[in-house]
């Protein structure tokens, strides 16, 4: 049940049921590597204890990555076309993105963990949602700097329903 656009790059780490919902967690992989530059749409908010998170800017939030080995760009999330409320809306916005650098060492190479929450598949079928892979209700993205090891847990914590 992972969005089709990232299935080839998603290496599953865990899958579990919580009530009727499913949580699926994995790490992005390209060229047998977890080394990505990260680009975002939204406002990068800095808080205490070296924590950063991404919040919507003009109602939009998004994250793309570029493989450090081959240069392939992968759209991981776009609030205009991904998630439960946007199922069937495939018009991605082409807003300029901002690069993300590690707050600790200013490196631009990250591993990217993604976690999705999906409602019960029977509920989706009853609602006649055809793009079940894109019908996640919540997503979390955690970044880990591949140079210094700094972890930005829940860099994106976003409800799509």
Protein backbone atom coordinates (compact mmCIF):
# COMPACT_ATOMS: atom_id res chain seq x y z
CA UNK A 1 0.00 0.00 0.00
CA UNK A 2 2.86 2.43 -0.61
CA UNK A 3 2.25 5.27 -3.11
CA UNK A 4 3.13 3.93 -6.57
CA UNK A 5 5.47 6.82 -7.33
CA UNK A 6 7.91 5.78 -4.59
CA UNK A 7 7.40 1.99 -4.55
CA UNK A 8 10.62 1.29 -6.51
CA UNK A 9 12.58 3.35 -3.96
CA UNK A 10 10.89 2.19 -0.74
CA UNK A 11 12.62 -0.48 1.35
CA UNK A 12 10.12 -1.67 3.96
CA UNK A 13 11.34 -1.80 7.56
CA UNK A 14 8.12 -2.50 9.47
CA UNK A 15 4.40 -2.99 9.04
CA UNK A 16 1.88 -3.24 11.87
CA UNK A 17 -1.82 -2.94 12.60
CA UNK A 18 -3.07 -0.53 15.24
CA UNK A 19 -6.80 -1.06 15.60
CA UNK A 20 -8.17 -0.92 12.08
CA UNK A 21 -5.33 1.28 10.79
CA UNK A 22 -2.07 0.08 9.24
CA UNK A 23 1.34 1.67 9.79
CA UNK A 24 3.99 1.07 7.15
CA UNK A 25 7.55 2.29 7.65
CA UNK A 26 10.51 2.20 5.32
CA UNK A 27 13.65 3.91 4.11
CA UNK A 28 14.23 5.43 0.68
CA UNK A 29 16.83 3.68 -1.45
CA UNK A 30 18.27 4.46 -4.88
CA UNK A 31 21.39 2.94 -6.48
CA UNK A 32 21.62 0.60 -3.44
CA UNK A 33 22.25 3.71 -1.33
CA UNK A 34 20.46 5.88 1.21
CA UNK A 35 22.30 9.08 0.25
CA UNK A 36 19.93 11.89 -0.79
CA UNK A 37 19.85 15.64 -1.07
CA UNK A 38 16.52 16.90 0.31
CA UNK A 39 14.41 19.73 -1.13
CA UNK A 40 11.21 21.06 0.40
CA UNK A 41 8.17 23.20 -0.21
CA UNK A 42 7.12 24.81 3.06
CA UNK A 43 8.72 26.66 5.93
CA UNK A 44 11.59 25.03 7.80
CA UNK A 45 10.95 25.85 11.44
CA UNK A 46 13.87 25.78 13.87
CA UNK A 47 13.17 25.10 17.52
CA UNK A 48 15.11 24.37 20.67
CA UNK A 49 17.40 21.36 21.04
CA UNK A 50 18.48 21.42 17.35
CA UNK A 51 15.06 20.31 16.16
CA UNK A 52 13.76 21.30 12.77
CA UNK A 53 10.42 20.57 11.18
CA UNK A 54 8.60 21.47 8.01
CA UNK A 55 5.32 23.35 8.21
CA UNK A 56 3.00 24.40 5.38
CA UNK A 57 3.70 27.63 3.56
CA UNK A 58 0.75 29.13 1.68
CA UNK A 59 -1.15 25.94 2.54
CA UNK A 60 1.36 23.67 0.81
CA UNK A 61 4.02 21.28 1.96
CA UNK A 62 6.22 18.93 -0.05
CA UNK A 63 9.45 17.00 -0.13
CA UNK A 64 11.63 15.79 -2.99
CA UNK A 65 14.94 14.00 -2.83
CA UNK A 66 17.81 13.68 -5.31
CA UNK A 67 20.00 10.58 -5.31
CA UNK A 68 23.61 11.56 -4.65
CA UNK A 69 24.85 8.76 -6.97
CA UNK A 70 22.70 9.07 -10.11
CA UNK A 71 20.93 12.42 -9.69
CA UNK A 72 17.41 10.97 -9.98
CA UNK A 73 14.79 13.23 -8.40
CA UNK A 74 12.01 11.47 -6.47
CA UNK A 75 8.88 13.32 -5.36
CA UNK A 76 8.18 11.83 -1.93
CA UNK A 77 5.25 14.03 -0.88
CA UNK A 78 3.20 16.89 -2.32
CA UNK A 79 0.22 18.04 -0.26
CA UNK A 80 -1.54 19.16 -3.46
CA UNK A 81 -1.77 15.64 -4.90
CA UNK A 82 -0.88 13.06 -2.21
CA UNK A 83 -2.85 11.61 0.67
CA UNK A 84 -6.41 10.71 1.58
CA UNK A 85 -8.08 14.06 0.84
CA UNK A 86 -6.25 14.43 -2.48
CA UNK A 87 -6.98 10.94 -3.89
CA UNK A 88 -7.68 11.34 -7.57
CA UNK A 89 -6.13 14.81 -7.76
CA UNK A 90 -2.94 14.32 -9.73
CA UNK A 91 -2.05 17.93 -10.37
CA UNK A 92 1.28 18.44 -8.73
CA UNK A 93 2.37 21.97 -8.13
CA UNK A 94 5.71 23.05 -9.49
CA UNK A 95 6.68 25.50 -6.79
CA UNK A 96 10.35 26.21 -6.29
CA UNK A 97 11.92 24.11 -3.58
CA UNK A 98 14.48 24.94 -0.89
CA UNK A 99 17.43 22.69 -0.01
CA UNK A 100 17.78 21.24 3.48
CA UNK A 101 21.14 21.20 5.25
CA UNK A 102 22.04 19.58 8.54
CA UNK A 103 21.88 22.12 11.38
CA UNK A 104 24.82 20.47 13.10
CA UNK A 105 27.38 20.06 10.28
CA UNK A 106 25.80 21.83 7.25
CA UNK A 107 25.99 18.63 5.20
CA UNK A 108 23.36 18.02 2.51
CA UNK A 109 23.36 14.21 2.48
CA UNK A 110 20.54 12.45 4.33
CA UNK A 111 18.88 9.09 4.80
CA UNK A 112 15.10 9.45 4.58
CA UNK A 113 12.68 7.32 6.63
CA UNK A 114 9.01 7.47 5.69
CA UNK A 115 6.06 6.18 7.70
CA UNK A 116 2.47 6.02 6.43
CA UNK A 117 -0.80 5.46 8.25
CA UNK A 118 -3.58 3.90 6.18
CA UNK A 119 -7.23 3.40 7.21
CA UNK A 120 -8.82 -0.03 6.97
CA UNK A 121 -8.82 -1.19 3.32
CA UNK A 122 -12.49 -2.17 3.60
CA UNK A 123 -13.34 1.45 4.47
CA UNK A 124 -11.49 2.67 1.38
CA UNK A 125 -13.29 0.16 -0.82
CA UNK A 126 -16.70 1.15 0.63
CA UNK A 127 -15.90 4.79 -0.16
CA UNK A 128 -14.96 3.67 -3.71
CA UNK A 129 -11.49 5.15 -3.47
CA UNK A 130 -9.59 3.76 -6.43
CA UNK A 131 -6.10 5.06 -5.61
CA UNK A 132 -5.78 3.03 -2.40
CA UNK A 133 -1.97 3.31 -2.45
CA UNK A 134 -2.29 7.11 -2.17
CA UNK A 135 -5.06 7.10 0.47
CA UNK A 136 -2.82 7.41 3.51
CA UNK A 137 -4.24 9.55 6.31
CA UNK A 138 -1.00 10.55 8.00
CA UNK A 139 2.67 10.57 7.11
CA UNK A 140 5.89 11.13 8.98
CA UNK A 141 9.31 11.71 7.46
CA UNK A 142 12.50 11.52 9.52
CA UNK A 143 15.85 12.72 8.17
CA UNK A 144 19.23 11.41 9.36
CA UNK A 145 22.43 13.22 8.39
CA UNK A 146 24.78 10.75 6.76
CA UNK A 147 27.87 12.69 7.89
CA UNK A 148 27.36 13.50 11.59
CA UNK A 149 24.40 11.24 12.43
CA UNK A 150 22.04 14.03 13.55
CA UNK A 151 18.45 12.81 13.42
CA UNK A 152 15.52 15.09 12.64
CA UNK A 153 12.66 12.91 13.84
CA UNK A 154 9.29 13.74 12.32
CA UNK A 155 10.73 16.47 10.11
CA UNK A 156 7.35 16.14 8.43
CA UNK A 157 4.38 15.15 10.61
CA UNK A 158 1.35 15.72 8.41
CA UNK A 159 -2.27 14.63 8.47
CA UNK A 160 -3.81 14.25 5.01
CA UNK A 161 -7.40 13.43 6.00
